[in-house]
Amino acid sequence: MLSPEYLQKIGGDHDEQIYASGEQIIRQGDPGASMFFIIDGEVVVSLNALGEEQIQLRRLQSGDYFREMSLMTGEPR
C-alpha cells in the first residue's frame, strides 16, 4: 500500500476523478491507457459471470492502485 503523500507525488500532474458510491469506474474490455490510485475510499473489483450475479474478486482501499498492467502492456482490461 502506498502512502497518501507518495500517491500525491506520483499522481501530482494527473487528473483527479471523484466517483460516487456504486459508480462503475472501468469495464472489462476497456482500452488500457490509464491506471488509478485510490486516495480516499475503497473500490470493489467484481466480475459479471454469465448467468450469475456479480462475483466480488477483491476490495481495494486508500493507498492501493489498479490497472497498472494494462497501462504497461496496452492490452484491454
PDB file of N, CA and C in Angstrom:
ATOM      1  N   MET A   1       0.851  -1.169   0.000  1.00  0.00           N
ATOM      2  CA  MET A   1       0.000   0.000   0.000  1.00  0.00           C
ATOM      3  C   MET A   1       0.900   1.236   0.000  1.00  0.00           C
ATOM      4  N   LEU A   2       0.511   2.229  -0.811  1.00  0.00           N
ATOM      5  CA  LEU A   2       1.272   3.472  -0.908  1.00  0.00           C
ATOM      6  C   LEU A   2       0.694   4.525   0.032  1.00  0.00           C
ATOM      7  N   SER A   3       1.553   5.364   0.590  1.00  0.00           N
ATOM      8  CA  SER A   3       1.075   6.417   1.490  1.00  0.00           C
ATOM      9  C   SER A   3       0.380   7.511   0.686  1.00  0.00           C
ATOM     10  N   PRO A   4      -0.555   8.245   1.309  1.00  0.00           N
ATOM     11  CA  PRO A   4      -1.221   9.348   0.612  1.00  0.00           C
ATOM     12  C   PRO A   4      -0.228  10.383   0.071  1.00  0.00           C
ATOM     13  N   GLU A   5       0.853  10.635   0.795  1.00  0.00           N
ATOM     14  CA  GLU A   5       1.857  11.604   0.343  1.00  0.00           C
ATOM     15  C   GLU A   5       2.537  11.128  -0.934  1.00  0.00           C
ATOM     16  N   TYR A   6       2.867   9.843  -0.991  1.00  0.00           N
ATOM     17  CA  TYR A   6       3.525   9.293  -2.179  1.00  0.00           C
ATOM     18  C   TYR A   6       2.558   9.267  -3.359  1.00  0.00           C
ATOM     19  N   LEU A   7       1.296   8.939  -3.109  1.00  0.00           N
ATOM     20  CA  LEU A   7       0.295   8.956  -4.179  1.00  0.00           C
ATOM     21  C   LEU A   7       0.160  10.350  -4.783  1.00  0.00           C
ATOM     22  N   GLN A   8       0.166  11.374  -3.928  1.00  0.00           N
ATOM     23  CA  GLN A   8       0.086  12.750  -4.420  1.00  0.00           C
ATOM     24  C   GLN A   8       1.319  13.098  -5.243  1.00  0.00           C
ATOM     25  N   LYS A   9       2.469  12.625  -4.816  1.00  0.00           N
ATOM     26  CA  LYS A   9       3.715  12.928  -5.519  1.00  0.00           C
ATOM     27  C   LYS A   9       3.729  12.313  -6.917  1.00  0.00           C
ATOM     28  N   ILE A  10       3.393  11.028  -7.036  1.00  0.00           N
ATOM     29  CA  ILE A  10       3.459  10.387  -8.348  1.00  0.00           C
ATOM     30  C   ILE A  10       2.255  10.719  -9.222  1.00  0.00           C
ATOM     31  N   GLY A  11       1.166  11.139  -8.625  1.00  0.00           N
ATOM     32  CA  GLY A  11      -0.017  11.479  -9.400  1.00  0.00           C
ATOM     33  C   GLY A  11      -0.261  12.972  -9.504  1.00  0.00           C
ATOM     34  N   GLY A  12       0.712  13.781  -9.079  1.00  0.00           N
ATOM     35  CA  GLY A  12       0.524  15.220  -8.984  1.00  0.00           C
ATOM     36  C   GLY A  12       0.095  15.930 -10.245  1.00  0.00           C
ATOM     37  N   ASP A  13       0.581  15.517 -11.405  1.00  0.00           N
ATOM     38  CA  ASP A  13       0.247  16.195 -12.650  1.00  0.00           C
ATOM     39  C   ASP A  13      -0.873  15.514 -13.422  1.00  0.00           C
ATOM     40  N   HIS A  14      -1.633  14.675 -12.762  1.00  0.00           N
ATOM     41  CA  HIS A  14      -2.668  13.920 -13.437  1.00  0.00           C
ATOM     42  C   HIS A  14      -4.049  14.342 -12.954  1.00  0.00           C
ATOM     43  N   ASP A  15      -5.046  13.956 -13.715  1.00  0.00           N
ATOM     44  CA  ASP A  15      -6.425  14.319 -13.377  1.00  0.00           C
ATOM     45  C   ASP A  15      -6.916  13.561 -12.157  1.00  0.00           C
ATOM     46  N   GLU A  16      -7.578  14.282 -11.277  1.00  0.00           N
ATOM     47  CA  GLU A  16      -8.225  13.660 -10.129  1.00  0.00           C
ATOM     48  C   GLU A  16      -9.690  13.471 -10.467  1.00  0.00           C
ATOM     49  N   GLN A  17     -10.188  12.272 -10.269  1.00  0.00           N
ATOM     50  CA  GLN A  17     -11.584  11.952 -10.535  1.00  0.00           C
ATOM     51  C   GLN A  17     -12.247  11.546  -9.225  1.00  0.00           C
ATOM     52  N   ILE A  18     -13.480  11.954  -9.055  1.00  0.00           N
ATOM     53  CA  ILE A  18     -14.258  11.565  -7.886  1.00  0.00           C
ATOM     54  C   ILE A  18     -15.430  10.733  -8.380  1.00  0.00           C
ATOM     55  N   TYR A  19     -15.611   9.567  -7.789  1.00  0.00           N
ATOM     56  CA  TYR A  19     -16.673   8.656  -8.185  1.00  0.00           C
ATOM     57  C   TYR A  19     -17.658   8.494  -7.034  1.00  0.00           C
ATOM     58  N   ALA A  20     -18.924   8.393  -7.375  1.00  0.00           N
ATOM     59  CA  ALA A  20     -19.972   8.188  -6.374  1.00  0.00           C
ATOM     60  C   ALA A  20     -19.980   6.739  -5.911  1.00  0.00           C
ATOM     61  N   SER A  21     -20.506   6.512  -4.743  1.00  0.00           N
ATOM     62  CA  SER A  21     -20.641   5.155  -4.216  1.00  0.00           C
ATOM     63  C   SER A  21     -21.442   4.318  -5.208  1.00  0.00           C
ATOM     64  N   GLY A  22     -20.917   3.158  -5.580  1.00  0.00           N
ATOM     65  CA  GLY A  22     -21.605   2.263  -6.510  1.00  0.00           C
ATOM     66  C   GLY A  22     -21.368   2.567  -7.974  1.00  0.00           C
ATOM     67  N   GLU A  23     -20.709   3.674  -8.279  1.00  0.00           N
ATOM     68  CA  GLU A  23     -20.449   4.043  -9.677  1.00  0.00           C
ATOM     69  C   GLU A  23     -19.362   3.144 -10.271  1.00  0.00           C
ATOM     70  N   GLN A  24     -19.603   2.685 -11.496  1.00  0.00           N
ATOM     71  CA  GLN A  24     -18.626   1.824 -12.167  1.00  0.00           C
ATOM     72  C   GLN A  24     -17.498   2.687 -12.736  1.00  0.00           C
ATOM     73  N   ILE A  25     -16.263   2.291 -12.467  1.00  0.00           N
ATOM     74  CA  ILE A  25     -15.092   3.053 -12.901  1.00  0.00           C
ATOM     75  C   ILE A  25     -14.601   2.566 -14.257  1.00  0.00           C
ATOM     76  N   ILE A  26     -14.431   1.267 -14.400  1.00  0.00           N
ATOM     77  CA  ILE A  26     -13.987   0.685 -15.664  1.00  0.00           C
ATOM     78  C   ILE A  26     -14.793  -0.580 -15.949  1.00  0.00           C
ATOM     79  N   ARG A  27     -14.745  -1.001 -17.213  1.00  0.00           N
ATOM     80  CA  ARG A  27     -15.419  -2.223 -17.623  1.00  0.00           C
ATOM     81  C   ARG A  27     -14.407  -3.175 -18.257  1.00  0.00           C
ATOM     82  N   GLN A  28     -14.648  -4.439 -18.120  1.00  0.00           N
ATOM     83  CA  GLN A  28     -13.807  -5.433 -18.755  1.00  0.00           C
ATOM     84  C   GLN A  28     -13.816  -5.177 -20.266  1.00  0.00           C
ATOM     85  N   GLY A  29     -12.628  -5.173 -20.876  1.00  0.00           N
ATOM     86  CA  GLY A  29     -12.510  -4.944 -22.313  1.00  0.00           C
ATOM     87  C   GLY A  29     -12.215  -3.503 -22.685  1.00  0.00           C
ATOM     88  N   ASP A  30     -12.324  -2.562 -21.723  1.00  0.00           N
ATOM     89  CA  ASP A  30     -11.980  -1.159 -21.999  1.00  0.00           C
ATOM     90  C   ASP A  30     -10.507  -1.063 -22.403  1.00  0.00           C
ATOM     91  N   PRO A  31     -10.154  -0.050 -23.211  1.00  0.00           N
ATOM     92  CA  PRO A  31      -8.733   0.166 -23.532  1.00  0.00           C
ATOM     93  C   PRO A  31      -7.931   0.412 -22.256  1.00  0.00           C
ATOM     94  N   GLY A  32      -6.685  -0.031 -22.240  1.00  0.00           N
ATOM     95  CA  GLY A  32      -5.848   0.086 -21.050  1.00  0.00           C
ATOM     96  C   GLY A  32      -4.874   1.236 -21.138  1.00  0.00           C
ATOM     97  N   ALA A  33      -5.361   2.468 -21.167  1.00  0.00           N
ATOM     98  CA  ALA A  33      -4.491   3.628 -21.342  1.00  0.00           C
ATOM     99  C   ALA A  33      -4.296   4.435 -20.062  1.00  0.00           C
ATOM    100  N   SER A  34      -4.687   3.894 -18.923  1.00  0.00           N
ATOM    101  CA  SER A  34      -4.553   4.649 -17.675  1.00  0.00           C
ATOM    102  C   SER A  34      -4.464   3.690 -16.496  1.00  0.00           C
ATOM    103  N   MET A  35      -4.070   4.246 -15.363  1.00  0.00           N
ATOM    104  CA  MET A  35      -4.122   3.495 -14.115  1.00  0.00           C
ATOM    105  C   MET A  35      -4.749   4.382 -13.054  1.00  0.00           C
ATOM    106  N   PHE A  36      -5.150   3.800 -11.959  1.00  0.00           N
ATOM    107  CA  PHE A  36      -5.884   4.513 -10.921  1.00  0.00           C
ATOM    108  C   PHE A  36      -5.205   4.340  -9.575  1.00  0.00           C
ATOM    109  N   PHE A  37      -5.139   5.437  -8.816  1.00  0.00           N
ATOM    110  CA  PHE A  37      -4.636   5.445  -7.446  1.00  0.00           C
ATOM    111  C   PHE A  37      -5.804   5.823  -6.548  1.00  0.00           C
ATOM    112  N   ILE A  38      -6.017   5.085  -5.485  1.00  0.00           N
ATOM    113  CA  ILE A  38      -7.117   5.375  -4.569  1.00  0.00           C
ATOM    114  C   ILE A  38      -6.581   6.266  -3.458  1.00  0.00           C
ATOM    115  N   ILE A  39      -7.005   7.510  -3.464  1.00  0.00           N
ATOM    116  CA  ILE A  39      -6.576   8.487  -2.461  1.00  0.00           C
ATOM    117  C   ILE A  39      -7.432   8.354  -1.204  1.00  0.00           C
ATOM    118  N   ASP A  40      -8.743   8.186  -1.391  1.00  0.00           N
ATOM    119  CA  ASP A  40      -9.661   8.099  -0.264  1.00  0.00           C
ATOM    120  C   ASP A  40     -10.817   7.190  -0.656  1.00  0.00           C
ATOM    121  N   GLY A  41     -11.244   6.325   0.236  1.00  0.00           N
ATOM    122  CA  GLY A  41     -12.373   5.442  -0.027  1.00  0.00           C
ATOM    123  C   GLY A  41     -11.923   4.044  -0.371  1.00  0.00           C
ATOM    124  N   GLU A  42     -12.809   3.319  -1.051  1.00  0.00           N
ATOM    125  CA  GLU A  42     -12.487   1.963  -1.441  1.00  0.00           C
ATOM    126  C   GLU A  42     -13.126   1.633  -2.783  1.00  0.00           C
ATOM    127  N   VAL A  43     -12.579   0.608  -3.428  1.00  0.00           N
ATOM    128  CA  VAL A  43     -13.061   0.151  -4.727  1.00  0.00           C
ATOM    129  C   VAL A  43     -13.278  -1.350  -4.639  1.00  0.00           C
ATOM    130  N   VAL A  44     -14.406  -1.808  -5.132  1.00  0.00           N
ATOM    131  CA  VAL A  44     -14.699  -3.233  -5.186  1.00  0.00           C
ATOM    132  C   VAL A  44     -14.461  -3.695  -6.621  1.00  0.00           C
ATOM    133  N   VAL A  45     -13.619  -4.707  -6.776  1.00  0.00           N
ATOM    134  CA  VAL A  45     -13.351  -5.291  -8.080  1.00  0.00           C
ATOM    135  C   VAL A  45     -14.265  -6.500  -8.214  1.00  0.00           C
ATOM    136  N   SER A  46     -15.108  -6.493  -9.252  1.00  0.00           N
ATOM    137  CA  SER A  46     -16.058  -7.592  -9.410  1.00  0.00           C
ATOM    138  C   SER A  46     -16.119  -8.032 -10.868  1.00  0.00           C
ATOM    139  N   LEU A  47     -16.731  -9.174 -11.075  1.00  0.00           N
ATOM    140  CA  LEU A  47     -16.849  -9.777 -12.388  1.00  0.00           C
ATOM    141  C   LEU A  47     -18.282 -10.212 -12.583  1.00  0.00           C
ATOM    142  N   ASN A  48     -18.840  -9.926 -13.749  1.00  0.00           N
ATOM    143  CA  ASN A  48     -20.169 -10.419 -14.095  1.00  0.00           C
ATOM    144  C   ASN A  48     -20.009 -11.755 -14.807  1.00  0.00           C
ATOM    145  N   ALA A  49     -20.316 -12.836 -14.121  1.00  0.00           N
ATOM    146  CA  ALA A  49     -20.233 -14.170 -14.709  1.00  0.00           C
ATOM    147  C   ALA A  49     -21.514 -14.439 -15.502  1.00  0.00           C
ATOM    148  N   LEU A  50     -21.386 -15.136 -16.615  1.00  0.00           N
ATOM    149  CA  LEU A  50     -22.551 -15.441 -17.440  1.00  0.00           C
ATOM    150  C   LEU A  50     -23.589 -16.207 -16.642  1.00  0.00           C
ATOM    151  N   GLY A  51     -24.807 -15.697 -16.626  1.00  0.00           N
ATOM    152  CA  GLY A  51     -25.899 -16.360 -15.937  1.00  0.00           C
ATOM    153  C   GLY A  51     -25.841 -16.295 -14.426  1.00  0.00           C
ATOM    154  N   GLU A  52     -24.914 -15.529 -13.888  1.00  0.00           N
ATOM    155  CA  GLU A  52     -24.780 -15.426 -12.435  1.00  0.00           C
ATOM    156  C   GLU A  52     -24.736 -13.968 -12.014  1.00  0.00           C
ATOM    157  N   GLU A  53     -24.887 -13.739 -10.736  1.00  0.00           N
ATOM    158  CA  GLU A  53     -24.756 -12.388 -10.206  1.00  0.00           C
ATOM    159  C   GLU A  53     -23.287 -12.005 -10.167  1.00  0.00           C
ATOM    160  N   GLN A  54     -23.013 -10.750  -9.840  1.00  0.00           N
ATOM    161  CA  GLN A  54     -21.633 -10.290  -9.745  1.00  0.00           C
ATOM    162  C   GLN A  54     -20.855 -11.079  -8.700  1.00  0.00           C
ATOM    163  N   ILE A  55     -19.614 -11.359  -9.040  1.00  0.00           N
ATOM    164  CA  ILE A  55     -18.716 -12.040  -8.127  1.00  0.00           C
ATOM    165  C   ILE A  55     -17.666 -11.034  -7.673  1.00  0.00           C
ATOM    166  N   GLN A  56     -17.564 -10.797  -6.367  1.00  0.00           N
ATOM    167  CA  GLN A  56     -16.566  -9.872  -5.845  1.00  0.00           C
ATOM    168  C   GLN A  56     -15.213 -10.564  -5.814  1.00  0.00           C
ATOM    169  N   LEU A  57     -14.231  -9.978  -6.508  1.00  0.00           N
ATOM    170  CA  LEU A  57     -12.900 -10.554  -6.568  1.00  0.00           C
ATOM    171  C   LEU A  57     -11.963  -9.976  -5.526  1.00  0.00           C
ATOM    172  N   ARG A  58     -12.113  -8.680  -5.266  1.00  0.00           N
ATOM    173  CA  ARG A  58     -11.172  -8.003  -4.381  1.00  0.00           C
ATOM    174  C   ARG A  58     -11.749  -6.679  -3.904  1.00  0.00           C
ATOM    175  N   ARG A  59     -11.296  -6.219  -2.765  1.00  0.00           N
ATOM    176  CA  ARG A  59     -11.684  -4.903  -2.235  1.00  0.00           C
ATOM    177  C   ARG A  59     -10.394  -4.121  -2.008  1.00  0.00           C
ATOM    178  N   LEU A  60     -10.289  -2.955  -2.678  1.00  0.00           N
ATOM    179  CA  LEU A  60      -9.106  -2.101  -2.574  1.00  0.00           C
ATOM    180  C   LEU A  60      -9.430  -0.890  -1.721  1.00  0.00           C
ATOM    181  N   GLN A  61      -8.419  -0.353  -1.016  1.00  0.00           N
ATOM    182  CA  GLN A  61      -8.635   0.779  -0.114  1.00  0.00           C
ATOM    183  C   GLN A  61      -7.649   1.897  -0.403  1.00  0.00           C
ATOM    184  N   SER A  62      -7.777   2.986   0.341  1.00  0.00           N
ATOM    185  CA  SER A  62      -6.868   4.123   0.199  1.00  0.00           C
ATOM    186  C   SER A  62      -5.423   3.642   0.209  1.00  0.00           C
ATOM    187  N   GLY A  63      -4.637   4.135  -0.751  1.00  0.00           N
ATOM    188  CA  GLY A  63      -3.242   3.741  -0.872  1.00  0.00           C
ATOM    189  C   GLY A  63      -3.021   2.636  -1.891  1.00  0.00           C
ATOM    190  N   ASP A  64      -4.084   1.947  -2.295  1.00  0.00           N
ATOM    191  CA  ASP A  64      -3.962   0.903  -3.312  1.00  0.00           C
ATOM    192  C   ASP A  64      -4.044   1.534  -4.706  1.00  0.00           C
ATOM    193  N   TYR A  65      -3.684   0.757  -5.697  1.00  0.00           N
ATOM    194  CA  TYR A  65      -3.770   1.204  -7.092  1.00  0.00           C
ATOM    195  C   TYR A  65      -4.157   0.008  -7.948  1.00  0.00           C
ATOM    196  N   PHE A  66      -4.664   0.304  -9.157  1.00  0.00           N
ATOM    197  CA  PHE A  66      -5.082  -0.787 -10.036  1.00  0.00           C
ATOM    198  C   PHE A  66      -4.998  -0.365 -11.493  1.00  0.00           C
ATOM    199  N   ARG A  67      -4.984  -1.317 -12.368  1.00  0.00           N
ATOM    200  CA  ARG A  67      -4.930  -1.210 -13.820  1.00  0.00           C
ATOM    201  C   ARG A  67      -3.556  -0.820 -14.340  1.00  0.00           C
ATOM    202  N   GLU A  68      -2.531  -1.025 -13.537  1.00  0.00           N
ATOM    203  CA  GLU A  68      -1.176  -0.696 -13.974  1.00  0.00           C
ATOM    204  C   GLU A  68      -0.682  -1.636 -15.064  1.00  0.00           C
ATOM    205  N   MET A  69      -1.113  -2.894 -15.053  1.00  0.00           N
ATOM    206  CA  MET A  69      -0.646  -3.839 -16.068  1.00  0.00           C
ATOM    207  C   MET A  69      -1.164  -3.476 -17.453  1.00  0.00           C
ATOM    208  N   SER A  70      -2.425  -3.068 -17.566  1.00  0.00           N
ATOM    209  CA  SER A  70      -2.947  -2.696 -18.880  1.00  0.00           C
ATOM    210  C   SER A  70      -2.272  -1.435 -19.400  1.00  0.00           C
ATOM    211  N   LEU A  71      -1.848  -0.571 -18.509  1.00  0.00           N
ATOM    212  CA  LEU A  71      -1.125   0.636 -18.912  1.00  0.00           C
ATOM    213  C   LEU A  71       0.233   0.252 -19.500  1.00  0.00           C
ATOM    214  N   MET A  72       0.905  -0.698 -18.890  1.00  0.00           N
ATOM    215  CA  MET A  72       2.232  -1.106 -19.367  1.00  0.00           C
ATOM    216  C   MET A  72       2.172  -1.939 -20.643  1.00  0.00           C
ATOM    217  N   THR A  73       1.153  -2.807 -20.748  1.00  0.00           N
ATOM    218  CA  THR A  73       1.091  -3.701 -21.907  1.00  0.00           C
ATOM    219  C   THR A  73       0.250  -3.150 -23.050  1.00  0.00           C
ATOM    220  N   GLY A  74      -0.657  -2.216 -22.743  1.00  0.00           N
ATOM    221  CA  GLY A  74      -1.550  -1.677 -23.770  1.00  0.00           C
ATOM    222  C   GLY A  74      -2.706  -2.596 -24.107  1.00  0.00           C
ATOM    223  N   GLU A  75      -2.801  -3.742 -23.430  1.00  0.00           N
ATOM    224  CA  GLU A  75      -3.872  -4.690 -23.694  1.00  0.00           C
ATOM    225  C   GLU A  75      -5.162  -4.217 -23.018  1.00  0.00           C
ATOM    226  N   PRO A  76      -6.309  -4.659 -23.544  1.00  0.00           N
ATOM    227  CA  PRO A  76      -7.600  -4.295 -22.905  1.00  0.00           C
ATOM    228  C   PRO A  76      -7.648  -4.799 -21.475  1.00  0.00           C
ATOM    229  N   ARG A  77      -8.471  -4.154 -20.698  1.00  0.00           N
ATOM    230  CA  ARG A  77      -8.631  -4.516 -19.288  1.00  0.00           C
ATOM    231  C   ARG A  77      -9.354  -5.838 -19.157  1.00  0.00           C
TER     232      ARG A  77
END
